[in-house]
Protein backbone atom coordinates (compact mmCIF):
# COMPACT_ATOMS: atom_id res chain seq x y z
CA MET A 1 -27.13 -40.93 3.28
CA GLU A 2 -24.70 -39.73 0.61
CA LEU A 3 -24.32 -42.10 -2.31
CA ASN A 4 -20.55 -42.15 -2.73
CA ARG A 5 -18.57 -44.12 -5.26
CA GLU A 6 -17.87 -47.14 -3.04
CA TYR A 7 -21.51 -47.45 -1.95
CA PHE A 8 -22.61 -47.16 -5.57
CA ARG A 9 -20.25 -50.02 -6.53
CA ALA A 10 -21.51 -52.19 -3.67
CA ILE A 11 -25.13 -51.82 -4.82
CA ILE A 12 -24.22 -52.86 -8.38
CA TYR A 13 -22.20 -55.84 -7.17
CA TYR A 14 -24.99 -56.96 -4.83
CA ASN A 15 -27.49 -57.04 -7.69
CA LEU A 16 -25.31 -58.32 -10.56
CA GLN A 17 -22.77 -60.44 -8.74
CA ARG A 18 -20.31 -61.91 -11.28
CA GLN A 19 -21.91 -59.93 -14.10
CA SER A 20 -20.97 -56.72 -12.34
CA PRO A 21 -18.89 -54.42 -14.60
CA HIS A 22 -15.25 -53.57 -13.86
CA GLN A 23 -14.46 -51.01 -11.18
CA SER A 24 -13.07 -48.53 -13.75
CA THR A 25 -16.40 -48.69 -15.64
CA ILE A 26 -18.32 -48.04 -12.45
CA SER A 27 -16.03 -45.08 -11.64
CA ARG A 28 -16.66 -43.64 -15.11
CA TRP A 29 -20.43 -44.03 -14.68
CA TYR A 30 -20.23 -42.35 -11.28
CA GLY A 31 -18.43 -39.39 -12.81
CA GLU A 32 -20.97 -39.05 -15.62
CA PHE A 33 -23.91 -39.28 -13.21
CA GLU A 34 -22.35 -36.44 -11.18
CA LEU A 35 -22.34 -34.24 -14.28
CA THR A 36 -25.12 -31.68 -14.01
CA GLN A 37 -26.10 -28.59 -15.97
CA GLU A 38 -25.03 -26.48 -12.99
CA ASN A 39 -21.51 -27.94 -13.16
CA VAL A 40 -21.33 -27.36 -16.91
CA ASP A 41 -22.42 -23.73 -16.52
CA ALA A 42 -19.88 -23.14 -13.75
CA VAL A 43 -16.99 -24.49 -15.83
CA ARG A 44 -18.10 -22.49 -18.87
CA LYS A 45 -18.13 -19.32 -16.78
CA LEU A 46 -14.60 -19.97 -15.54
CA ILE A 47 -13.37 -20.49 -19.11
CA ILE A 48 -15.02 -17.31 -20.36
CA GLU A 49 -13.58 -15.25 -17.52
CA ASP A 50 -10.16 -16.84 -18.13
CA ARG A 51 -9.35 -17.06 -14.47
CA HIS A 52 -5.90 -18.45 -13.81
CA LYS A 53 -3.04 -18.03 -11.41
CA SER A 54 -0.22 -15.75 -12.46
CA VAL A 55 3.08 -15.10 -10.71
CA SER A 56 3.90 -11.41 -10.58
CA ARG A 57 7.32 -10.23 -11.74
CA TRP A 58 9.41 -9.19 -8.76
CA ILE A 59 11.01 -5.75 -8.80
CA PRO A 60 12.83 -4.02 -5.91
CA HIS A 61 10.35 -1.16 -5.83
CA LEU A 62 7.99 0.77 -8.04
CA LEU A 63 9.47 3.83 -9.77
CA THR A 64 7.70 7.14 -10.11
CA GLU A 65 7.63 8.95 -13.45
CA GLU A 66 10.29 11.34 -12.17
CA GLN A 67 12.53 8.43 -11.16
CA LYS A 68 12.06 6.77 -14.56
CA ALA A 69 13.01 10.01 -16.32
CA ALA A 70 16.08 10.41 -14.10
CA ARG A 71 17.15 6.83 -14.86
CA VAL A 72 16.87 7.43 -18.62
CA ASN A 73 18.97 10.59 -18.30
CA CYS A 74 21.72 8.47 -16.73
CA ILE A 75 22.00 6.16 -19.76
CA VAL A 76 25.07 6.62 -21.94
CA SER A 77 25.33 4.72 -25.22
CA GLY A 78 28.64 4.07 -26.99
CA ASP A 79 29.86 2.31 -30.11
CA GLU A 80 32.52 2.47 -32.84
CA SER A 81 32.43 3.12 -36.59
CA TRP A 82 34.59 4.18 -39.54
CA ILE A 83 34.49 7.81 -40.71
CA TYR A 84 35.58 8.26 -44.34
CA CYS A 85 37.11 11.30 -46.02
CA TYR A 86 34.60 10.83 -48.82
CA GLU A 87 31.42 8.80 -49.19
CA PRO A 88 29.40 9.17 -52.40
CA GLU A 89 25.82 10.36 -52.33
CA ASN A 90 23.19 7.66 -52.39
CA LYS A 91 20.70 7.34 -55.23
CA ARG A 92 18.06 9.45 -53.52
CA GLN A 93 20.48 12.26 -52.73
CA SER A 94 21.75 12.45 -56.30
CA ALA A 95 18.24 12.67 -57.81
CA VAL A 96 17.38 15.90 -59.70
CA TRP A 97 14.18 17.37 -61.16
CA VAL A 98 13.84 17.25 -64.97
CA PHE A 99 11.17 18.53 -67.35
CA GLN A 100 9.09 16.14 -69.40
CA GLY A 101 11.04 15.09 -72.47
CA GLU A 102 14.30 16.38 -71.01
CA GLU A 103 17.21 13.98 -71.15
CA LYS A 104 18.09 12.40 -67.84
CA PRO A 105 21.44 13.62 -66.51
CA THR A 106 24.30 11.19 -66.05
CA LYS A 107 26.61 11.05 -63.09
CA VAL A 108 30.00 9.43 -62.70
CA ILE A 109 29.97 6.84 -59.96
CA ARG A 110 32.68 7.61 -57.42
CA SER A 111 33.81 5.07 -54.87
CA ARG A 112 34.30 5.60 -51.18
CA SER A 113 37.71 6.97 -50.24
CA VAL A 114 40.41 4.74 -48.81
CA SER A 115 41.37 7.31 -46.16
CA LYS A 116 39.34 6.75 -43.00
CA LYS A 117 39.50 6.75 -39.22
CA MET A 118 37.80 4.67 -36.58
CA VAL A 119 35.99 6.62 -33.85
CA ALA A 120 34.10 5.72 -30.70
CA THR A 121 31.08 7.93 -30.10
CA PHE A 122 29.12 8.25 -26.87
CA VAL A 123 25.72 9.92 -26.60
CA SER A 124 22.91 10.35 -24.10
CA LYS A 125 19.39 11.75 -24.21
CA ALA A 126 20.97 15.19 -23.71
CA GLY A 127 23.04 14.75 -26.86
CA HIS A 128 26.70 14.23 -27.77
CA ILE A 129 29.12 13.40 -24.97
CA ALA A 130 32.40 12.48 -26.65
CA THR A 131 33.91 11.23 -29.90
CA ILE A 132 37.31 9.59 -29.46
CA PRO A 133 39.35 8.71 -32.58
CA LEU A 134 41.75 5.79 -32.74
CA ASN A 135 44.83 7.78 -33.72
CA GLU A 136 47.57 5.17 -33.58
CA GLN A 137 45.67 2.00 -34.43
CA ARG A 138 42.87 0.57 -36.55
CA THR A 139 41.37 -1.96 -34.17
CA VAL A 140 39.52 -1.37 -30.89
CA THR A 141 41.37 -3.33 -28.23
CA THR A 142 40.58 -3.86 -24.58
CA ASP A 143 43.64 -1.86 -23.57
CA TRP A 144 42.68 1.17 -25.72
CA TYR A 145 39.05 0.99 -24.62
CA THR A 146 39.98 0.78 -20.94
CA THR A 147 42.92 3.17 -20.69
CA ILE A 148 42.09 5.82 -23.31
CA CYS A 149 38.47 5.75 -24.44
CA LEU A 150 36.43 5.16 -21.28
CA PRO A 151 38.46 7.56 -19.06
CA LYS A 152 37.82 10.40 -21.54
CA VAL A 153 34.10 9.65 -21.59
CA ILE A 154 33.80 9.48 -17.81
CA THR A 155 35.82 12.70 -17.43
CA GLU A 156 33.40 14.52 -19.76
CA LEU A 157 30.38 13.18 -17.90
CA ARG A 158 31.68 14.24 -14.49
CA LYS A 159 32.89 17.70 -15.39
CA ILE A 160 29.54 19.18 -14.33
CA ASN A 161 28.47 16.64 -11.71
CA PRO A 162 31.22 14.46 -10.18
CA GLU A 163 28.60 12.35 -8.36
CA ARG A 164 26.54 11.71 -11.47
CA ARG A 165 25.12 8.21 -11.89
CA ILE A 166 26.25 6.55 -15.14
CA ILE A 167 24.53 3.59 -16.82
CA LEU A 168 26.54 2.44 -19.85
CA HIS A 169 24.85 0.77 -22.82
CA GLN A 170 27.28 -0.96 -25.18
CA ASP A 171 27.23 -4.03 -27.41
CA ASN A 172 28.90 -7.34 -26.59
CA ALA A 173 32.15 -6.80 -28.48
CA SER A 174 35.08 -8.57 -26.84
CA SER A 175 36.85 -5.28 -26.07
CA HIS A 176 33.72 -4.10 -24.22
CA THR A 177 33.05 -7.26 -22.21
CA ALA A 178 36.63 -8.17 -21.27
CA GLN A 179 37.37 -8.58 -17.58
CA LYS A 180 39.74 -5.60 -17.60
CA ALA A 181 37.04 -3.31 -19.00
CA ARG A 182 34.42 -4.57 -16.55
CA GLN A 183 36.76 -4.13 -13.62
CA TYR A 184 37.54 -0.55 -14.63
CA LEU A 185 33.83 0.30 -14.92
CA THR A 186 33.21 -1.23 -11.48
CA GLU A 187 35.99 0.87 -9.98
CA GLU A 188 34.45 3.99 -11.53
CA ASN A 189 30.96 3.07 -10.22
CA VAL A 190 29.61 2.76 -13.75
CA GLU A 191 26.62 0.44 -14.14
CA LEU A 192 26.19 -1.75 -17.22
CA LEU A 193 22.91 -2.07 -19.08
CA ASP A 194 22.39 -5.57 -20.50
CA HIS A 195 22.57 -5.80 -24.27
CA HIS A 196 20.63 -8.57 -26.01
CA PRO A 197 23.00 -10.90 -27.95
CA TYR A 198 23.22 -10.42 -31.73
CA SER A 199 21.16 -7.22 -31.62
CA PRO A 200 23.33 -4.39 -32.97
CA ASP A 201 20.21 -2.39 -33.84
CA LEU A 202 19.59 -1.79 -30.12
CA ASN A 203 22.47 0.64 -29.75
CA HIS A 204 21.57 4.31 -30.23
CA ASN A 205 24.59 4.94 -32.43
CA ASP A 206 23.91 1.98 -34.72
CA PHE A 207 20.31 2.81 -35.53
CA PHE A 208 20.47 6.61 -35.15
CA THR A 209 23.70 8.57 -34.76
CA PHE A 210 25.99 6.86 -37.29
CA PRO A 211 23.51 6.40 -40.17
CA LYS A 212 21.94 9.83 -39.70
CA ILE A 213 25.17 11.80 -39.56
CA LYS A 214 26.99 9.79 -42.22
CA ASN A 215 24.07 10.35 -44.55
CA ARG A 216 24.41 14.13 -44.04
CA LEU A 217 28.13 14.02 -44.84
CA ARG A 218 27.71 12.07 -48.08
CA GLY A 219 29.04 13.89 -51.09
CA GLN A 220 31.38 16.08 -49.03
CA ARG A 221 35.10 15.62 -49.54
CA PHE A 222 37.51 16.16 -46.66
CA GLN A 223 41.25 16.70 -46.98
CA SER A 224 42.16 14.41 -44.09
CA SER A 225 40.62 11.84 -41.79
CA GLU A 226 40.99 14.32 -38.92
CA GLU A 227 38.90 16.87 -40.84
CA ALA A 228 36.29 14.20 -41.53
CA VAL A 229 36.10 13.32 -37.82
CA ASP A 230 35.71 16.99 -36.87
CA ALA A 231 32.88 17.36 -39.38
CA PHE A 232 31.20 14.26 -37.98
CA LYS A 233 31.49 15.54 -34.41
CA ASN A 234 30.14 18.99 -35.31
CA ALA A 235 27.18 17.44 -37.14
CA VAL A 236 26.33 15.39 -34.06
CA LEU A 237 26.56 18.49 -31.86
CA ASP A 238 24.18 20.32 -34.20
CA LEU A 239 21.38 17.79 -33.71
CA PRO A 240 18.46 19.47 -31.87
CA ALA A 241 17.01 18.14 -28.61
CA ASN A 242 13.84 16.83 -30.25
CA GLU A 243 15.95 14.51 -32.45
CA TRP A 244 17.47 12.90 -29.35
CA ASN A 245 14.02 12.54 -27.80
CA LYS A 246 12.85 10.70 -30.92
CA CYS A 247 15.98 8.55 -30.77
CA PHE A 248 15.24 7.37 -27.23
CA GLU A 249 11.56 6.82 -27.97
CA ASN A 250 12.64 4.61 -30.86
CA TRP A 251 15.05 2.82 -28.54
CA PHE A 252 12.27 2.09 -26.03
CA GLU A 253 10.21 0.45 -28.78
CA ARG A 254 13.16 -1.63 -29.96
CA MET A 255 13.90 -2.82 -26.43
CA GLN A 256 10.27 -3.83 -25.86
CA ASP A 257 10.33 -5.89 -29.06
CA VAL A 258 13.32 -7.87 -27.81
CA TYR A 259 12.73 -8.26 -24.05
């Protein structure tokens, strides 16, 4: 006959009567008496193997490497920045070699020019797509973004392939996330890639295109803001394919750190 907890309690009560310990004490004893070396070893093995239930993340379907590559090629990244007619060289760029004992050269500090123009630049893994200047205004508005900027970008993208899939990556600026802008993108069958809040360093232009090209243009003086924008655009177009590959590899790492 199996000696269960209730039978064990009855035996103790029969022998000790009123001196019988409380039921909770008997239950604790019963649990301790059930503890064997085999049980201890089994639990230890489970802990070492770290066996636990895990809920798998649901995805619609598994993508092949070719499908992943095609998806990346569909991503278009856009953002805005000021382009100046003159930006002084940084300290590293203005450094010169001198012989030992030679007097260090001096250089007059020049400030950034007042003349400037805001541009919106869009790029993909294949390179530059479009740079649209704000000719008549200084602030990116929903109306300008929806009626002037985005149509030019989409036109450029669909010149070669009208049925091309477009996945737009942009930050959460109000002009980008406004209902009017979202509705226009929906009508044009443009998908939106989620952008993590307060993470400007996730946009390709913020961590790659703008700083890289602006750094190259430092020290050059342009006669007009239009000339400065043209120089910026040409410098972006001159970037080789391997630079864009590095840009997207960097982007993958940044996205993994956030999500």
